[in-house]
Amino acid sequence: MFQTADRMEAMIDSLELHFQNTVKKLTLQTDSDKLAELLLEIKRDNPNMTAEQENQFIRDMAVSGLLAKEE
């Protein structure tokens, strides 16, 4: 599929950039108030939640579209 390692690296970089842009777009479409409320409830039940886990939860919720802003 790829003739050179450089082309493969370029494709990987392109896909990563596309993924990051998609996550950013979905994050902007997320209702941040609802997300903050949900995160507070989650952290109440899980007081030892790490910053990494919190960030992953936020990304997962944004990408899922479950808390998308209503238009």
N, C-alpha and C. Protein backbone atom coordinates (compact mmCIF):
# COMPACT_ATOMS: atom_id res chain seq x y z
N MET A 1 0.82 -1.19 0.00
CA MET A 1 0.00 0.00 0.00
C MET A 1 0.87 1.26 0.00
N PHE A 2 1.91 1.28 0.82
CA PHE A 2 2.81 2.43 0.88
C PHE A 2 4.15 2.04 0.27
N GLN A 3 4.63 2.89 -0.61
CA GLN A 3 5.89 2.58 -1.29
C GLN A 3 7.09 2.86 -0.41
N THR A 4 6.95 3.83 0.48
CA THR A 4 8.09 4.16 1.34
C THR A 4 7.61 4.39 2.77
N ALA A 5 8.56 4.31 3.67
CA ALA A 5 8.24 4.58 5.08
C ALA A 5 7.83 6.04 5.25
N ASP A 6 8.41 6.93 4.45
CA ASP A 6 8.05 8.36 4.53
C ASP A 6 6.58 8.58 4.18
N ARG A 7 6.11 7.89 3.16
CA ARG A 7 4.70 8.02 2.77
C ARG A 7 3.79 7.47 3.86
N MET A 8 4.21 6.37 4.46
CA MET A 8 3.42 5.80 5.54
C MET A 8 3.35 6.78 6.71
N GLU A 9 4.48 7.36 7.07
CA GLU A 9 4.51 8.35 8.16
C GLU A 9 3.63 9.55 7.84
N ALA A 10 3.67 10.01 6.60
CA ALA A 10 2.84 11.15 6.19
C ALA A 10 1.36 10.81 6.32
N MET A 11 0.99 9.60 5.96
CA MET A 11 -0.40 9.16 6.07
C MET A 11 -0.81 9.07 7.53
N ILE A 12 0.04 8.54 8.36
CA ILE A 12 -0.25 8.45 9.80
C ILE A 12 -0.44 9.84 10.38
N ASP A 13 0.44 10.77 10.03
CA ASP A 13 0.32 12.14 10.53
C ASP A 13 -0.97 12.79 10.05
N SER A 14 -1.34 12.54 8.81
CA SER A 14 -2.57 13.09 8.25
C SER A 14 -3.80 12.55 8.98
N LEU A 15 -3.81 11.25 9.23
CA LEU A 15 -4.93 10.64 9.96
C LEU A 15 -5.02 11.15 11.39
N GLU A 16 -3.89 11.32 12.04
CA GLU A 16 -3.88 11.84 13.41
C GLU A 16 -4.43 13.26 13.44
N LEU A 17 -4.02 14.09 12.49
CA LEU A 17 -4.52 15.46 12.42
C LEU A 17 -6.03 15.48 12.18
N HIS A 18 -6.50 14.63 11.28
CA HIS A 18 -7.94 14.53 11.01
C HIS A 18 -8.70 14.10 12.27
N PHE A 19 -8.16 13.13 12.97
CA PHE A 19 -8.79 12.66 14.21
C PHE A 19 -8.87 13.79 15.24
N GLN A 20 -7.76 14.50 15.44
CA GLN A 20 -7.73 15.59 16.42
C GLN A 20 -8.73 16.69 16.04
N ASN A 21 -8.82 17.01 14.76
CA ASN A 21 -9.77 18.03 14.31
C ASN A 21 -11.21 17.58 14.53
N THR A 22 -11.48 16.31 14.31
CA THR A 22 -12.82 15.77 14.54
C THR A 22 -13.19 15.84 16.01
N VAL A 23 -12.26 15.47 16.89
CA VAL A 23 -12.51 15.53 18.33
C VAL A 23 -12.77 16.98 18.75
N LYS A 24 -12.00 17.92 18.24
CA LYS A 24 -12.21 19.34 18.57
C LYS A 24 -13.59 19.80 18.14
N LYS A 25 -13.99 19.43 16.93
CA LYS A 25 -15.30 19.81 16.41
C LYS A 25 -16.42 19.24 17.29
N LEU A 26 -16.31 17.97 17.64
CA LEU A 26 -17.33 17.34 18.48
C LEU A 26 -17.35 17.95 19.88
N THR A 27 -16.19 18.32 20.39
CA THR A 27 -16.12 18.95 21.71
C THR A 27 -16.85 20.29 21.70
N LEU A 28 -16.68 21.05 20.63
CA LEU A 28 -17.37 22.34 20.52
C LEU A 28 -18.88 22.18 20.42
N GLN A 29 -19.34 21.03 19.97
CA GLN A 29 -20.77 20.76 19.84
C GLN A 29 -21.38 20.18 21.12
N THR A 30 -20.55 19.99 22.14
CA THR A 30 -20.99 19.38 23.39
C THR A 30 -21.52 20.45 24.34
N ASP A 31 -22.62 20.15 25.02
CA ASP A 31 -23.19 21.06 26.02
C ASP A 31 -22.28 21.02 27.25
N SER A 32 -21.48 22.06 27.41
CA SER A 32 -20.47 22.06 28.48
C SER A 32 -21.09 22.12 29.87
N ASP A 33 -22.26 22.74 30.01
CA ASP A 33 -22.92 22.78 31.32
C ASP A 33 -23.36 21.38 31.75
N LYS A 34 -23.97 20.65 30.84
CA LYS A 34 -24.40 19.28 31.14
C LYS A 34 -23.19 18.38 31.42
N LEU A 35 -22.14 18.57 30.64
CA LEU A 35 -20.92 17.79 30.84
C LEU A 35 -20.31 18.07 32.20
N ALA A 36 -20.29 19.34 32.61
CA ALA A 36 -19.74 19.71 33.91
C ALA A 36 -20.56 19.09 35.04
N GLU A 37 -21.89 19.12 34.91
CA GLU A 37 -22.75 18.51 35.93
C GLU A 37 -22.49 17.01 36.04
N LEU A 38 -22.42 16.36 34.90
CA LEU A 38 -22.18 14.92 34.90
C LEU A 38 -20.81 14.59 35.48
N LEU A 39 -19.82 15.37 35.12
CA LEU A 39 -18.46 15.14 35.63
C LEU A 39 -18.41 15.32 37.15
N LEU A 40 -19.12 16.31 37.68
CA LEU A 40 -19.18 16.49 39.14
C LEU A 40 -19.77 15.26 39.82
N GLU A 41 -20.84 14.73 39.25
CA GLU A 41 -21.47 13.53 39.82
C GLU A 41 -20.51 12.33 39.77
N ILE A 42 -19.84 12.18 38.66
CA ILE A 42 -18.88 11.08 38.51
C ILE A 42 -17.75 11.22 39.53
N LYS A 43 -17.24 12.44 39.68
CA LYS A 43 -16.13 12.66 40.61
C LYS A 43 -16.56 12.48 42.06
N ARG A 44 -17.83 12.75 42.35
CA ARG A 44 -18.35 12.51 43.70
C ARG A 44 -18.28 11.02 44.04
N ASP A 45 -18.63 10.20 43.06
CA ASP A 45 -18.59 8.75 43.27
C ASP A 45 -17.18 8.18 43.14
N ASN A 46 -16.30 8.92 42.49
CA ASN A 46 -14.92 8.47 42.24
C ASN A 46 -13.94 9.58 42.63
N PRO A 47 -13.77 9.84 43.92
CA PRO A 47 -12.93 10.96 44.35
C PRO A 47 -11.45 10.83 43.96
N ASN A 48 -11.01 9.64 43.65
CA ASN A 48 -9.60 9.43 43.28
C ASN A 48 -9.38 9.46 41.77
N MET A 49 -10.34 9.98 41.04
CA MET A 49 -10.22 10.07 39.59
C MET A 49 -9.03 10.95 39.22
N THR A 50 -8.17 10.43 38.35
CA THR A 50 -6.98 11.19 37.95
C THR A 50 -7.34 12.20 36.86
N ALA A 51 -6.46 13.16 36.64
CA ALA A 51 -6.67 14.15 35.59
C ALA A 51 -6.73 13.47 34.22
N GLU A 52 -5.92 12.44 34.04
CA GLU A 52 -5.94 11.70 32.78
C GLU A 52 -7.28 11.01 32.56
N GLN A 53 -7.83 10.40 33.61
CA GLN A 53 -9.14 9.76 33.51
C GLN A 53 -10.23 10.79 33.24
N GLU A 54 -10.13 11.94 33.89
CA GLU A 54 -11.10 13.01 33.68
C GLU A 54 -11.06 13.49 32.22
N ASN A 55 -9.87 13.71 31.70
CA ASN A 55 -9.73 14.15 30.31
C ASN A 55 -10.26 13.10 29.34
N GLN A 56 -10.00 11.83 29.62
CA GLN A 56 -10.49 10.76 28.75
C GLN A 56 -12.01 10.70 28.79
N PHE A 57 -12.60 10.88 29.97
CA PHE A 57 -14.05 10.89 30.10
C PHE A 57 -14.65 12.02 29.26
N ILE A 58 -14.05 13.21 29.36
CA ILE A 58 -14.55 14.36 28.59
C ILE A 58 -14.48 14.08 27.09
N ARG A 59 -13.36 13.54 26.63
CA ARG A 59 -13.22 13.19 25.21
C ARG A 59 -14.25 12.14 24.80
N ASP A 60 -14.41 11.12 25.62
CA ASP A 60 -15.36 10.05 25.31
C ASP A 60 -16.78 10.59 25.20
N MET A 61 -17.16 11.46 26.13
CA MET A 61 -18.51 12.03 26.10
C MET A 61 -18.69 12.92 24.88
N ALA A 62 -17.69 13.70 24.55
CA ALA A 62 -17.78 14.59 23.38
C ALA A 62 -17.93 13.77 22.10
N VAL A 63 -17.10 12.75 21.94
CA VAL A 63 -17.12 11.94 20.73
C VAL A 63 -18.41 11.13 20.63
N SER A 64 -18.97 10.73 21.76
CA SER A 64 -20.20 9.93 21.74
C SER A 64 -21.39 10.73 21.24
N GLY A 65 -21.35 12.06 21.42
CA GLY A 65 -22.48 12.89 21.01
C GLY A 65 -23.65 12.85 21.97
N LEU A 66 -23.52 12.16 23.09
CA LEU A 66 -24.62 12.03 24.04
C LEU A 66 -25.03 13.36 24.67
N LEU A 67 -24.09 14.29 24.76
CA LEU A 67 -24.39 15.58 25.37
C LEU A 67 -24.28 16.71 24.35
N ALA A 68 -24.65 16.42 23.12
CA ALA A 68 -24.59 17.44 22.07
C ALA A 68 -25.58 18.56 22.38
N LYS A 69 -25.17 19.78 22.04
CA LYS A 69 -26.03 20.94 22.24
C LYS A 69 -27.28 20.79 21.40
N GLU A 70 -28.40 21.21 21.97
CA GLU A 70 -29.66 21.19 21.22
C GLU A 70 -29.75 22.47 20.41
N GLU A 71 -30.18 22.35 19.18
CA GLU A 71 -30.26 23.54 18.33
C GLU A 71 -31.64 24.12 18.31
